[in-house]
C-alpha atoms as a PDB file:
ATOM      1  CA  MET A   1     -31.674 -41.594  35.331  1.00  0.00           C
ATOM      2  CA  HIS A   2     -34.475 -39.711  33.585  1.00  0.00           C
ATOM      3  CA  HIS A   3     -35.287 -40.976  30.054  1.00  0.00           C
ATOM      4  CA  PHE A   4     -34.655 -37.468  28.655  1.00  0.00           C
ATOM      5  CA  ALA A   5     -31.113 -37.203  30.039  1.00  0.00           C
ATOM      6  CA  LEU A   6     -30.145 -40.728  29.064  1.00  0.00           C
ATOM      7  CA  SER A   7     -31.515 -40.371  25.522  1.00  0.00           C
ATOM      8  CA  ILE A   8     -29.743 -37.100  24.720  1.00  0.00           C
ATOM      9  CA  ARG A   9     -26.444 -38.232  26.248  1.00  0.00           C
ATOM     10  CA  VAL A  10     -26.420 -41.450  24.204  1.00  0.00           C
ATOM     11  CA  TRP A  11     -27.297 -39.439  21.078  1.00  0.00           C
ATOM     12  CA  TYR A  12     -24.587 -36.878  21.881  1.00  0.00           C
ATOM     13  CA  ARG A  13     -21.825 -39.478  22.212  1.00  0.00           C
ATOM     14  CA  GLN A  14     -22.649 -40.807  18.752  1.00  0.00           C
ATOM     15  CA  ASN A  15     -23.358 -37.546  16.902  1.00  0.00           C
ATOM     16  CA  HIS A  16     -21.628 -34.524  18.434  1.00  0.00           C
ATOM     17  CA  ARG A  17     -19.165 -32.291  16.597  1.00  0.00           C
ATOM     18  CA  GLU A  18     -15.550 -32.446  17.791  1.00  0.00           C
ATOM     19  CA  LEU A  19     -14.673 -28.969  19.093  1.00  0.00           C
ATOM     20  CA  PRO A  20     -11.471 -28.118  21.022  1.00  0.00           C
ATOM     21  CA  TRP A  21     -13.208 -26.597  24.047  1.00  0.00           C
ATOM     22  CA  ARG A  22     -15.203 -29.798  24.545  1.00  0.00           C
ATOM     23  CA  SER A  23     -12.084 -31.826  25.270  1.00  0.00           C
ATOM     24  CA  THR A  24     -10.680 -29.633  28.059  1.00  0.00           C
ATOM     25  CA  LYS A  25     -11.448 -28.887  31.696  1.00  0.00           C
ATOM     26  CA  ASN A  26      -9.319 -25.720  31.604  1.00  0.00           C
ATOM     27  CA  PRO A  27     -11.669 -22.947  32.829  1.00  0.00           C
ATOM     28  CA  TYR A  28      -9.763 -20.214  30.946  1.00  0.00           C
ATOM     29  CA  LYS A  29     -10.171 -22.015  27.604  1.00  0.00           C
ATOM     30  CA  ILE A  30     -13.822 -22.814  28.320  1.00  0.00           C
ATOM     31  CA  TRP A  31     -14.533 -19.202  29.282  1.00  0.00           C
ATOM     32  CA  LEU A  32     -12.813 -17.929  26.109  1.00  0.00           C
ATOM     33  CA  SER A  33     -14.905 -20.252  23.956  1.00  0.00           C
ATOM     34  CA  GLU A  34     -18.132 -19.153  25.657  1.00  0.00           C
ATOM     35  CA  VAL A  35     -17.376 -15.453  25.147  1.00  0.00           C
ATOM     36  CA  ILE A  36     -16.384 -15.954  21.501  1.00  0.00           C
ATOM     37  CA  MET A  37     -19.281 -18.248  20.597  1.00  0.00           C
ATOM     38  CA  GLN A  38     -22.021 -15.887  21.785  1.00  0.00           C
ATOM     39  CA  GLN A  39     -23.804 -14.548  18.661  1.00  0.00           C
ATOM     40  CA  THR A  40     -21.275 -16.371  16.468  1.00  0.00           C
ATOM     41  CA  ARG A  41     -21.377 -19.375  14.135  1.00  0.00           C
ATOM     42  CA  VAL A  42     -19.145 -22.291  15.147  1.00  0.00           C
ATOM     43  CA  ASP A  43     -17.098 -22.249  11.920  1.00  0.00           C
ATOM     44  CA  GLN A  44     -16.306 -18.556  12.339  1.00  0.00           C
ATOM     45  CA  GLY A  45     -15.757 -18.675  16.099  1.00  0.00           C
ATOM     46  CA  LEU A  46     -13.338 -21.607  15.878  1.00  0.00           C
ATOM     47  CA  SER A  47     -10.696 -19.624  13.984  1.00  0.00           C
ATOM     48  CA  TYR A  48     -10.939 -16.732  16.481  1.00  0.00           C
ATOM     49  CA  TYR A  49     -10.693 -19.157  19.419  1.00  0.00           C
ATOM     50  CA  LYS A  50      -7.471 -20.629  18.037  1.00  0.00           C
ATOM     51  CA  LYS A  51      -6.033 -17.218  17.153  1.00  0.00           C
ATOM     52  CA  ILE A  52      -6.784 -15.608  20.545  1.00  0.00           C
ATOM     53  CA  LEU A  53      -5.575 -18.663  22.493  1.00  0.00           C
ATOM     54  CA  GLU A  54      -2.341 -18.713  20.508  1.00  0.00           C
ATOM     55  CA  ARG A  55      -1.705 -15.035  21.306  1.00  0.00           C
ATOM     56  CA  TYR A  56      -2.841 -15.297  24.938  1.00  0.00           C
ATOM     57  CA  PRO A  57      -2.188 -18.888  26.121  1.00  0.00           C
ATOM     58  CA  SER A  58      -3.153 -18.056  29.710  1.00  0.00           C
ATOM     59  CA  VAL A  59      -5.311 -15.540  31.533  1.00  0.00           C
ATOM     60  CA  GLU A  60      -2.174 -13.611  32.610  1.00  0.00           C
ATOM     61  CA  PHE A  61      -1.170 -12.980  28.987  1.00  0.00           C
ATOM     62  CA  LEU A  62      -4.652 -11.655  28.188  1.00  0.00           C
ATOM     63  CA  ALA A  63      -4.724  -9.465  31.313  1.00  0.00           C
ATOM     64  CA  GLU A  64      -1.416  -7.838  30.354  1.00  0.00           C
ATOM     65  CA  ALA A  65      -2.434  -7.189  26.735  1.00  0.00           C
ATOM     66  CA  ASP A  66      -3.174  -3.739  25.358  1.00  0.00           C
ATOM     67  CA  GLU A  67      -6.924  -3.230  24.787  1.00  0.00           C
ATOM     68  CA  GLN A  68      -6.300  -1.984  21.262  1.00  0.00           C
ATOM     69  CA  GLU A  69      -4.487  -5.227  20.424  1.00  0.00           C
ATOM     70  CA  VAL A  70      -7.381  -7.289  21.843  1.00  0.00           C
ATOM     71  CA  LEU A  71      -9.884  -5.319  19.748  1.00  0.00           C
ATOM     72  CA  LYS A  72      -7.685  -5.770  16.679  1.00  0.00           C
ATOM     73  CA  LEU A  73      -7.663  -9.563  17.160  1.00  0.00           C
ATOM     74  CA  TRP A  74     -11.438  -9.492  17.634  1.00  0.00           C
ATOM     75  CA  GLN A  75     -11.999  -7.483  14.439  1.00  0.00           C
ATOM     76  CA  GLY A  76     -14.725  -8.989  12.268  1.00  0.00           C
ATOM     77  CA  LEU A  77     -16.517 -10.836  15.097  1.00  0.00           C
ATOM     78  CA  GLY A  78     -18.789  -7.919  16.025  1.00  0.00           C
ATOM     79  CA  TYR A  79     -20.372  -7.152  19.422  1.00  0.00           C
ATOM     80  CA  TYR A  80     -17.078  -5.581  20.498  1.00  0.00           C
ATOM     81  CA  SER A  81     -18.222  -5.054  24.092  1.00  0.00           C
ATOM     82  CA  ARG A  82     -17.558  -8.815  24.464  1.00  0.00           C
ATOM     83  CA  ALA A  83     -13.869  -8.230  23.732  1.00  0.00           C
ATOM     84  CA  ARG A  84     -13.609  -5.273  26.123  1.00  0.00           C
ATOM     85  CA  ASN A  85     -15.377  -7.206  28.889  1.00  0.00           C
ATOM     86  CA  MET A  86     -13.203 -10.272  28.228  1.00  0.00           C
ATOM     87  CA  HIS A  87     -10.073  -8.153  28.650  1.00  0.00           C
ATOM     88  CA  LYS A  88     -11.356  -6.582  31.899  1.00  0.00           C
ATOM     89  CA  ALA A  89     -12.449  -9.971  33.274  1.00  0.00           C
ATOM     90  CA  ALA A  90      -8.951 -11.381  32.668  1.00  0.00           C
ATOM     91  CA  GLN A  91      -7.543  -8.461  34.693  1.00  0.00           C
ATOM     92  CA  GLN A  92     -10.056  -9.268  37.462  1.00  0.00           C
ATOM     93  CA  VAL A  93      -8.881 -12.891  37.585  1.00  0.00           C
ATOM     94  CA  VAL A  94      -5.294 -11.675  38.011  1.00  0.00           C
ATOM     95  CA  ASP A  95      -6.052  -8.833  40.455  1.00  0.00           C
ATOM     96  CA  ASP A  96      -8.826 -10.400  42.561  1.00  0.00           C
ATOM     97  CA  PHE A  97      -8.096 -14.141  42.317  1.00  0.00           C
ATOM     98  CA  GLY A  98      -4.300 -14.233  42.056  1.00  0.00           C
ATOM     99  CA  GLY A  99      -4.371 -15.374  38.437  1.00  0.00           C
ATOM    100  CA  VAL A 100      -6.334 -18.549  39.322  1.00  0.00           C
ATOM    101  CA  PHE A 101      -9.674 -18.829  37.551  1.00  0.00           C
ATOM    102  CA  PRO A 102     -12.457 -18.964  40.193  1.00  0.00           C
ATOM    103  CA  ASP A 103     -13.977 -22.401  40.789  1.00  0.00           C
ATOM    104  CA  ASN A 104     -17.447 -21.567  42.094  1.00  0.00           C
ATOM    105  CA  TYR A 105     -20.546 -20.100  40.438  1.00  0.00           C
ATOM    106  CA  LYS A 106     -20.724 -16.911  42.565  1.00  0.00           C
ATOM    107  CA  ASP A 107     -17.117 -15.858  41.919  1.00  0.00           C
ATOM    108  CA  ILE A 108     -17.275 -16.813  38.238  1.00  0.00           C
ATOM    109  CA  LYS A 109     -20.396 -14.663  37.840  1.00  0.00           C
ATOM    110  CA  SER A 110     -18.605 -11.708  39.460  1.00  0.00           C
ATOM    111  CA  LEU A 111     -16.358 -11.415  36.372  1.00  0.00           C
ATOM    112  CA  LYS A 112     -17.070  -8.600  33.927  1.00  0.00           C
ATOM    113  CA  GLY A 113     -19.475  -9.639  31.163  1.00  0.00           C
ATOM    114  CA  VAL A 114     -20.286 -13.003  32.766  1.00  0.00           C
ATOM    115  CA  GLY A 115     -24.002 -13.640  33.334  1.00  0.00           C
ATOM    116  CA  ASP A 116     -25.955 -16.680  34.464  1.00  0.00           C
ATOM    117  CA  TYR A 117     -25.475 -18.545  31.180  1.00  0.00           C
ATOM    118  CA  THR A 118     -21.680 -18.189  30.988  1.00  0.00           C
ATOM    119  CA  ALA A 119     -21.168 -18.773  34.728  1.00  0.00           C
ATOM    120  CA  SER A 120     -23.261 -21.959  34.520  1.00  0.00           C
ATOM    121  CA  ALA A 121     -21.310 -23.133  31.472  1.00  0.00           C
ATOM    122  CA  ILE A 122     -17.907 -22.670  33.142  1.00  0.00           C
ATOM    123  CA  ALA A 123     -19.081 -24.166  36.458  1.00  0.00           C
ATOM    124  CA  SER A 124     -20.479 -27.176  34.619  1.00  0.00           C
ATOM    125  CA  PHE A 125     -17.841 -27.773  31.916  1.00  0.00           C
ATOM    126  CA  ALA A 126     -14.730 -26.997  33.992  1.00  0.00           C
ATOM    127  CA  TYR A 127     -15.782 -28.113  37.465  1.00  0.00           C
ATOM    128  CA  ASP A 128     -18.659 -30.611  36.906  1.00  0.00           C
ATOM    129  CA  LEU A 129     -21.045 -28.555  39.036  1.00  0.00           C
ATOM    130  CA  PRO A 130     -24.766 -29.248  38.385  1.00  0.00           C
ATOM    131  CA  TYR A 131     -25.778 -25.907  36.849  1.00  0.00           C
ATOM    132  CA  PRO A 132     -27.992 -26.134  33.735  1.00  0.00           C
ATOM    133  CA  VAL A 133     -26.774 -24.131  30.743  1.00  0.00           C
ATOM    134  CA  LEU A 134     -29.638 -22.509  28.871  1.00  0.00           C
ATOM    135  CA  ASP A 135     -28.730 -21.067  25.490  1.00  0.00           C
ATOM    136  CA  GLY A 136     -31.197 -20.542  22.624  1.00  0.00           C
ATOM    137  CA  ASN A 137     -30.785 -24.170  21.565  1.00  0.00           C
ATOM    138  CA  ALA A 138     -31.575 -25.535  25.034  1.00  0.00           C
ATOM    139  CA  PHE A 139     -34.600 -23.231  25.400  1.00  0.00           C
ATOM    140  CA  ARG A 140     -35.930 -24.520  22.079  1.00  0.00           C
ATOM    141  CA  VAL A 141     -35.512 -28.199  23.025  1.00  0.00           C
ATOM    142  CA  LEU A 142     -37.205 -27.722  26.406  1.00  0.00           C
ATOM    143  CA  SER A 143     -40.105 -25.590  25.159  1.00  0.00           C
ATOM    144  CA  ARG A 144     -40.887 -28.173  22.471  1.00  0.00           C
ATOM    145  CA  TYR A 145     -40.345 -31.224  24.668  1.00  0.00           C
ATOM    146  CA  PHE A 146     -42.788 -29.897  27.288  1.00  0.00           C
ATOM    147  CA  ASN A 147     -44.971 -28.112  24.676  1.00  0.00           C
ATOM    148  CA  ASP A 148     -44.694 -25.002  26.851  1.00  0.00           C
ATOM    149  CA  PRO A 149     -45.613 -21.628  25.244  1.00  0.00           C
ATOM    150  CA  THR A 150     -44.201 -19.529  28.115  1.00  0.00           C
ATOM    151  CA  PRO A 151     -42.196 -16.774  26.348  1.00  0.00           C
ATOM    152  CA  ILE A 152     -38.495 -17.586  26.730  1.00  0.00           C
ATOM    153  CA  ASP A 153     -37.436 -13.903  26.766  1.00  0.00           C
ATOM    154  CA  THR A 154     -39.243 -13.055  30.021  1.00  0.00           C
ATOM    155  CA  GLY A 155     -38.358 -13.425  33.690  1.00  0.00           C
ATOM    156  CA  GLU A 156     -41.112 -16.023  34.046  1.00  0.00           C
ATOM    157  CA  GLY A 157     -39.730 -17.975  31.066  1.00  0.00           C
ATOM    158  CA  ALA A 158     -36.232 -17.974  32.522  1.00  0.00           C
ATOM    159  CA  LYS A 159     -37.596 -19.452  35.791  1.00  0.00           C
ATOM    160  CA  VAL A 160     -39.879 -22.032  34.135  1.00  0.00           C
ATOM    161  CA  PHE A 161     -37.243 -23.453  31.784  1.00  0.00           C
ATOM    162  CA  LYS A 162     -34.487 -23.341  34.382  1.00  0.00           C
ATOM    163  CA  ALA A 163     -36.741 -25.442  36.648  1.00  0.00           C
ATOM    164  CA  TYR A 164     -37.274 -27.978  33.835  1.00  0.00           C
ATOM    165  CA  ALA A 165     -33.517 -28.182  33.234  1.00  0.00           C
ATOM    166  CA  GLU A 166     -32.679 -28.500  36.940  1.00  0.00           C
ATOM    167  CA  ASP A 167     -35.121 -31.384  37.185  1.00  0.00           C
ATOM    168  CA  LEU A 168     -33.674 -33.162  34.143  1.00  0.00           C
ATOM    169  CA  ILE A 169     -29.926 -32.518  34.498  1.00  0.00           C
ATOM    170  CA  SER A 170     -27.670 -35.509  35.152  1.00  0.00           C
ATOM    171  CA  LYS A 171     -26.054 -35.044  38.541  1.00  0.00           C
ATOM    172  CA  ASP A 172     -23.325 -37.585  37.653  1.00  0.00           C
ATOM    173  CA  ASP A 173     -22.230 -35.737  34.473  1.00  0.00           C
ATOM    174  CA  PRO A 174     -23.834 -32.298  34.197  1.00  0.00           C
ATOM    175  CA  ALA A 175     -21.223 -31.205  31.641  1.00  0.00           C
ATOM    176  CA  GLU A 176     -22.203 -33.904  29.150  1.00  0.00           C
ATOM    177  CA  PHE A 177     -25.915 -33.234  29.742  1.00  0.00           C
ATOM    178  CA  ASN A 178     -25.450 -29.518  29.008  1.00  0.00           C
ATOM    179  CA  GLN A 179     -23.358 -30.157  25.896  1.00  0.00           C
ATOM    180  CA  ALA A 180     -25.943 -32.697  24.729  1.00  0.00           C
ATOM    181  CA  ILE A 181     -29.037 -30.511  25.095  1.00  0.00           C
ATOM    182  CA  MET A 182     -27.343 -27.611  23.285  1.00  0.00           C
ATOM    183  CA  GLU A 183     -26.050 -29.881  20.521  1.00  0.00           C
ATOM    184  CA  MET A 184     -29.536 -31.385  20.139  1.00  0.00           C
ATOM    185  CA  GLY A 185     -30.896 -27.891  19.526  1.00  0.00           C
ATOM    186  CA  ALA A 186     -28.134 -27.035  17.078  1.00  0.00           C
ATOM    187  CA  MET A 187     -28.247 -30.239  15.011  1.00  0.00           C
ATOM    188  CA  MET A 188     -31.595 -31.970  15.535  1.00  0.00           C
ATOM    189  CA  CYS A 189     -34.226 -29.672  17.074  1.00  0.00           C
ATOM    190  CA  ARG A 190     -33.458 -26.860  14.621  1.00  0.00           C
ATOM    191  CA  PRO A 191     -35.581 -23.681  14.446  1.00  0.00           C
ATOM    192  CA  LYS A 192     -37.115 -24.120  10.979  1.00  0.00           C
ATOM    193  CA  ASN A 193     -36.647 -27.733   9.907  1.00  0.00           C
ATOM    194  CA  PRO A 194     -36.390 -29.926  13.014  1.00  0.00           C
ATOM    195  CA  ASN A 195     -35.503 -33.562  12.307  1.00  0.00           C
ATOM    196  CA  CYS A 196     -38.315 -34.924  14.484  1.00  0.00           C
ATOM    197  CA  GLU A 197     -38.458 -38.309  12.729  1.00  0.00           C
ATOM    198  CA  HIS A 198     -34.924 -39.204  13.858  1.00  0.00           C
ATOM    199  CA  CYS A 199     -34.970 -37.423  17.222  1.00  0.00           C
ATOM    200  CA  PRO A 200     -34.271 -39.703  20.203  1.00  0.00           C
ATOM    201  CA  LEU A 201     -36.947 -37.804  22.178  1.00  0.00           C
ATOM    202  CA  ASN A 202     -39.785 -38.093  19.656  1.00  0.00           C
ATOM    203  CA  GLU A 203     -41.759 -40.710  21.604  1.00  0.00           C
ATOM    204  CA  THR A 204     -42.079 -38.479  24.664  1.00  0.00           C
ATOM    205  CA  CYS A 205     -41.837 -34.968  23.094  1.00  0.00           C
ATOM    206  CA  LEU A 206     -45.188 -33.284  23.749  1.00  0.00           C
ATOM    207  CA  SER A 207     -45.090 -30.798  20.887  1.00  0.00           C
ATOM    208  CA  TYR A 208     -44.234 -33.546  18.385  1.00  0.00           C
ATOM    209  CA  ASN A 209     -47.041 -35.797  19.636  1.00  0.00           C
ATOM    210  CA  GLU A 210     -49.683 -33.246  20.628  1.00  0.00           C
ATOM    211  CA  GLY A 211     -48.758 -29.847  19.230  1.00  0.00           C
ATOM    212  CA  ASP A 212     -46.719 -28.004  16.620  1.00  0.00           C
ATOM    213  CA  PRO A 213     -42.936 -27.905  17.155  1.00  0.00           C
ATOM    214  CA  LEU A 214     -42.549 -25.043  14.658  1.00  0.00           C
ATOM    215  CA  SER A 215     -44.729 -22.760  16.821  1.00  0.00           C
ATOM    216  CA  LEU A 216     -42.216 -23.007  19.689  1.00  0.00           C
ATOM    217  CA  PRO A 217     -40.403 -21.459  21.402  1.00  0.00           C
ATOM    218  CA  VAL A 218     -42.445 -18.305  21.906  1.00  0.00           C
ATOM    219  CA  LYS A 219     -40.851 -14.870  22.212  1.00  0.00           C
ATOM    220  CA  SER A 220     -42.811 -11.925  23.595  1.00  0.00           C
ATOM    221  CA  LYS A 221     -40.683  -9.078  22.347  1.00  0.00           C
ATOM    222  CA  LYS A 222     -39.842  -8.058  18.852  1.00  0.00           C
ATOM    223  CA  VAL A 223     -36.344  -6.644  18.510  1.00  0.00           C
ATOM    224  CA  LYS A 224     -36.533  -2.871  18.052  1.00  0.00           C
ATOM    225  CA  VAL A 225     -34.302  -1.876  15.168  1.00  0.00           C
ATOM    226  CA  THR A 226     -32.761   1.598  15.115  1.00  0.00           C
ATOM    227  CA  LYS A 227     -31.904   3.239  11.800  1.00  0.00           C
ATOM    228  CA  ARG A 228     -28.708   5.312  11.777  1.00  0.00           C
ATOM    229  CA  TYR A 229     -27.165   7.487   9.086  1.00  0.00           C
ATOM    230  CA  PHE A 230     -23.360   7.772   8.975  1.00  0.00           C
ATOM    231  CA  HIS A 231     -21.468  10.048   6.587  1.00  0.00           C
ATOM    232  CA  PHE A 232     -17.743   9.255   6.420  1.00  0.00           C
ATOM    233  CA  LEU A 233     -15.337  11.870   5.080  1.00  0.00           C
ATOM    234  CA  LEU A 234     -12.191  11.203   3.022  1.00  0.00           C
ATOM    235  CA  HIS A 235      -9.444  13.419   1.681  1.00  0.00           C
ATOM    236  CA  PRO A 236      -7.239  10.834  -0.095  1.00  0.00           C
ATOM    237  CA  GLU A 237      -4.739  13.450  -1.273  1.00  0.00           C
ATOM    238  CA  SER A 238      -3.562  13.951   2.317  1.00  0.00           C
ATOM    239  CA  GLY A 239      -3.481  10.223   3.158  1.00  0.00           C
ATOM    240  CA  ILE A 240      -5.860   8.340   5.434  1.00  0.00           C
ATOM    241  CA  THR A 241      -7.226  10.154   8.470  1.00  0.00           C
ATOM    242  CA  LEU A 242      -8.785   8.090  11.266  1.00  0.00           C
ATOM    243  CA  GLU A 243     -10.599   9.133  14.420  1.00  0.00           C
ATOM    244  CA  LYS A 244     -11.161   7.010  17.515  1.00  0.00           C
ATOM    245  CA  ARG A 245     -14.723   6.264  18.636  1.00  0.00           C
ATOM    246  CA  THR A 246     -14.609   6.955  22.365  1.00  0.00           C
ATOM    247  CA  LYS A 247     -18.325   7.112  23.224  1.00  0.00           C
ATOM    248  CA  LYS A 248     -20.167   4.084  24.555  1.00  0.00           C
ATOM    249  CA  GLY A 249     -22.092   2.103  21.975  1.00  0.00           C
ATOM    250  CA  ILE A 250     -21.086   0.219  18.859  1.00  0.00           C
ATOM    251  CA  TRP A 251     -17.387   0.131  17.938  1.00  0.00           C
ATOM    252  CA  GLN A 252     -16.216   1.845  21.150  1.00  0.00           C
ATOM    253  CA  ASN A 253     -12.426   2.454  21.100  1.00  0.00           C
ATOM    254  CA  MET A 254     -12.180   1.428  17.439  1.00  0.00           C
ATOM    255  CA  TYR A 255     -11.090   3.644  14.549  1.00  0.00           C
ATOM    256  CA  GLN A 256     -13.016   5.037  11.599  1.00  0.00           C
ATOM    257  CA  PHE A 257     -12.811   7.840   9.042  1.00  0.00           C
ATOM    258  CA  PRO A 258     -13.998  11.184  10.433  1.00  0.00           C
ATOM    259  CA  MET A 259     -17.771  10.865  10.478  1.00  0.00           C
ATOM    260  CA  LEU A 260     -20.911  12.920  10.817  1.00  0.00           C
ATOM    261  CA  GLU A 261     -24.035  11.129  12.055  1.00  0.00           C
ATOM    262  CA  VAL A 262     -27.407  12.640  11.198  1.00  0.00           C
ATOM    263  CA  GLU A 263     -30.820  11.625  12.537  1.00  0.00           C
ATOM    264  CA  LYS A 264     -32.529  11.073   9.186  1.00  0.00           C
ATOM    265  CA  LYS A 265     -31.943  11.193   5.456  1.00  0.00           C
ATOM    266  CA  ILE A 266     -31.244  14.798   4.501  1.00  0.00           C
ATOM    267  CA  ALA A 267     -30.654  16.740   1.297  1.00  0.00           C
ATOM    268  CA  LYS A 268     -27.060  17.076   0.086  1.00  0.00           C
ATOM    269  CA  SER A 269     -27.242  20.887   0.513  1.00  0.00           C
ATOM    270  CA  GLU A 270     -28.101  20.514   4.201  1.00  0.00           C
ATOM    271  CA  LEU A 271     -25.428  17.847   4.667  1.00  0.00           C
ATOM    272  CA  LYS A 272     -22.820  20.136   3.053  1.00  0.00           C
ATOM    273  CA  LYS A 273     -23.724  22.862   5.515  1.00  0.00           C
ATOM    274  CA  LYS A 274     -23.406  20.539   8.532  1.00  0.00           C
ATOM    275  CA  VAL A 275     -20.045  19.170   7.309  1.00  0.00           C
ATOM    276  CA  LYS A 276     -18.730  22.715   6.800  1.00  0.00           C
ATOM    277  CA  GLU A 277     -19.864  23.746  10.304  1.00  0.00           C
ATOM    278  CA  ARG A 278     -18.412  20.694  12.012  1.00  0.00           C
ATOM    279  CA  PHE A 279     -15.221  19.998  10.054  1.00  0.00           C
ATOM    280  CA  GLY A 280     -14.479  23.200   8.133  1.00  0.00           C
ATOM    281  CA  VAL A 281     -14.275  21.402   4.769  1.00  0.00           C
ATOM    282  CA  GLU A 282     -16.373  21.238   1.601  1.00  0.00           C
ATOM    283  CA  LEU A 283     -18.307  18.101   0.703  1.00  0.00           C
ATOM    284  CA  THR A 284     -17.501  17.291  -2.931  1.00  0.00           C
ATOM    285  CA  LYS A 285     -18.324  13.822  -4.280  1.00  0.00           C
ATOM    286  CA  LYS A 286     -20.053  10.653  -3.110  1.00  0.00           C
ATOM    287  CA  VAL A 287     -17.610   7.733  -3.357  1.00  0.00           C
ATOM    288  CA  PHE A 288     -19.581   4.775  -2.043  1.00  0.00           C
ATOM    289  CA  ALA A 289     -22.764   3.877  -0.140  1.00  0.00           C
ATOM    290  CA  GLU A 290     -23.582   0.721   1.787  1.00  0.00           C
ATOM    291  CA  LYS A 291     -26.179  -0.625   4.207  1.00  0.00           C
ATOM    292  CA  HIS A 292     -24.575  -2.309   7.231  1.00  0.00           C
ATOM    293  CA  ILE A 293     -26.920  -4.555   9.215  1.00  0.00           C
ATOM    294  CA  LEU A 294     -26.339  -5.219  12.919  1.00  0.00           C
ATOM    295  CA  SER A 295     -28.783  -7.117  15.116  1.00  0.00           C
ATOM    296  CA  HIS A 296     -30.411  -4.003  16.610  1.00  0.00           C
ATOM    297  CA  GLN A 297     -29.191  -1.333  14.219  1.00  0.00           C
ATOM    298  CA  HIS A 298     -29.379  -0.744  10.479  1.00  0.00           C
ATOM    299  CA  ILE A 299     -26.683   1.676   9.377  1.00  0.00           C
ATOM    300  CA  GLU A 300     -26.846   3.556   6.095  1.00  0.00           C
ATOM    301  CA  ALA A 301     -23.239   4.542   5.453  1.00  0.00           C
ATOM    302  CA  VAL A 302     -22.124   6.995   2.774  1.00  0.00           C
ATOM    303  CA  PHE A 303     -18.465   7.716   2.036  1.00  0.00           C
ATOM    304  CA  TRP A 304     -17.679  11.203   0.673  1.00  0.00           C
ATOM    305  CA  ARG A 305     -14.659  12.983  -0.726  1.00  0.00           C
ATOM    306  CA  VAL A 306     -14.076  16.387   0.824  1.00  0.00           C
ATOM    307  CA  GLY A 307     -12.091  19.377  -0.356  1.00  0.00           C
ATOM    308  CA  GLY A 308      -9.375  20.106   2.179  1.00  0.00           C
ATOM    309  CA  GLU A 309      -7.755  18.252   5.019  1.00  0.00           C
ATOM    310  CA  ILE A 310      -9.787  17.501   8.143  1.00  0.00           C
ATOM    311  CA  THR A 311      -7.978  18.894  11.171  1.00  0.00           C
ATOM    312  CA  LEU A 312     -10.843  19.714  13.532  1.00  0.00           C
ATOM    313  CA  VAL A 313     -11.102  16.273  15.167  1.00  0.00           C
ATOM    314  CA  PRO A 314      -8.446  14.418  17.199  1.00  0.00           C
ATOM    315  CA  ASN A 315      -7.052  12.059  14.603  1.00  0.00           C
ATOM    316  CA  VAL A 316      -4.225   9.826  13.494  1.00  0.00           C
ATOM    317  CA  LYS A 317      -2.614   9.704  10.056  1.00  0.00           C
ATOM    318  CA  VAL A 318      -2.037   6.297   8.515  1.00  0.00           C
ATOM    319  CA  ASP A 319      -1.410   4.740   5.125  1.00  0.00           C
ATOM    320  CA  LEU A 320      -2.327   1.379   3.595  1.00  0.00           C
ATOM    321  CA  THR A 321       0.653  -0.306   5.254  1.00  0.00           C
ATOM    322  CA  THR A 322      -0.120   0.911   8.785  1.00  0.00           C
ATOM    323  CA  ILE A 323      -3.930   1.162   8.846  1.00  0.00           C
ATOM    324  CA  HIS A 324      -4.285  -2.450   9.971  1.00  0.00           C
ATOM    325  CA  ASP A 325      -2.336  -1.679  13.144  1.00  0.00           C
ATOM    326  CA  TYR A 326      -5.608  -0.118  14.307  1.00  0.00           C
ATOM    327  CA  PRO A 327      -8.846  -1.954  15.201  1.00  0.00           C
ATOM    328  CA  LEU A 328     -11.374  -1.103  12.481  1.00  0.00           C
ATOM    329  CA  PRO A 329     -15.112  -1.868  12.276  1.00  0.00           C
ATOM    330  CA  ARG A 330     -15.820  -4.387   9.520  1.00  0.00           C
ATOM    331  CA  LEU A 331     -17.642  -1.669   7.546  1.00  0.00           C
ATOM    332  CA  ILE A 332     -14.452   0.444   7.319  1.00  0.00           C
ATOM    333  CA  ASP A 333     -12.207  -2.551   6.737  1.00  0.00           C
ATOM    334  CA  ARG A 334     -14.386  -3.700   3.821  1.00  0.00           C
ATOM    335  CA  PHE A 335     -14.425  -0.212   2.288  1.00  0.00           C
ATOM    336  CA  ILE A 336     -10.612  -0.105   2.333  1.00  0.00           C
ATOM    337  CA  GLU A 337     -10.377  -3.601   0.803  1.00  0.00           C
ATOM    338  CA  ASN A 338     -12.632  -2.569  -2.075  1.00  0.00           C
ATOM    339  CA  ASN A 339     -11.309   0.975  -2.611  1.00  0.00           C
ATOM    340  CA  SER A 340      -7.595   0.786  -1.864  1.00  0.00           C
ATOM    341  CA  GLU A 341      -6.794   2.501  -5.199  1.00  0.00           C
ATOM    342  CA  LEU A 342      -8.261   5.718  -3.751  1.00  0.00           C
ATOM    343  CA  PHE A 343      -5.320   5.985  -1.393  1.00  0.00           C
ATOM    344  CA  GLY A 344      -2.574   5.211  -3.894  1.00  0.00           C
END
């Protein structure tokens, strides 16, 4: 066995974190954990994993669920397209595979929202198939170990590092190899303060011995951040009015206060005019303002009182006891937590 694989597997057995999805071969549970843990810290994702699994103990339960209920359970995790795709994929398993989770890479990858990474993870962890799992942690370990500056966010990078991993992966226990390389990246080969002195690979790691680990991995693209300006409208005297976001994009099929989005910061006089044209009500007083940061979007949100009830948009009427029956973006949920006295 290659020194690399042996070293990280020995290290992993002695140092890994105990997580529930690491002690199962159930493909449904492994898939759930992979969907939840994308873009999510382990401590946060763990509580959602337990909560969702308790509500939907098998893929059939998830397939039969109402999408709004799934989104409500997901509330606070962000990247809500993951929840919608997860729900649709569960329905695929029931409709196309008779409720039995597929056991080969091609069929696993055919599920909604499942790409190469997730398909490899399920194939490896549930079925012991020799597919390398390359998350950000694994990319970092490999780029430093081989001192390779190929940008990891390019097609060429994907091929180069996949080839490294395919060469190194343990054919006798690919699942443990994949868990080990990712755990190494999470706990030892960290982005900013790697623990090179205690790393089991430090004698053969090229960037540690010949280069600069902190300069790797390389990314070619900078994330383009879009600025958006949301103006939410409230008329507390008539209760809480919510509208459903039906367009594709952030928060699809979730609920918010009636809202006007503008392209840039504008004067209050111009905003008043636009609100009057769109909703038929007068803008009166600013209640609250907050910046809401998402990975690719920075939202400047302002909450306004308006004079008169908003009736020009399809809406639902709720109060403080029923509002949490609806899936809300974290921004709206937080506003309600901090301003509940507005609504009596």
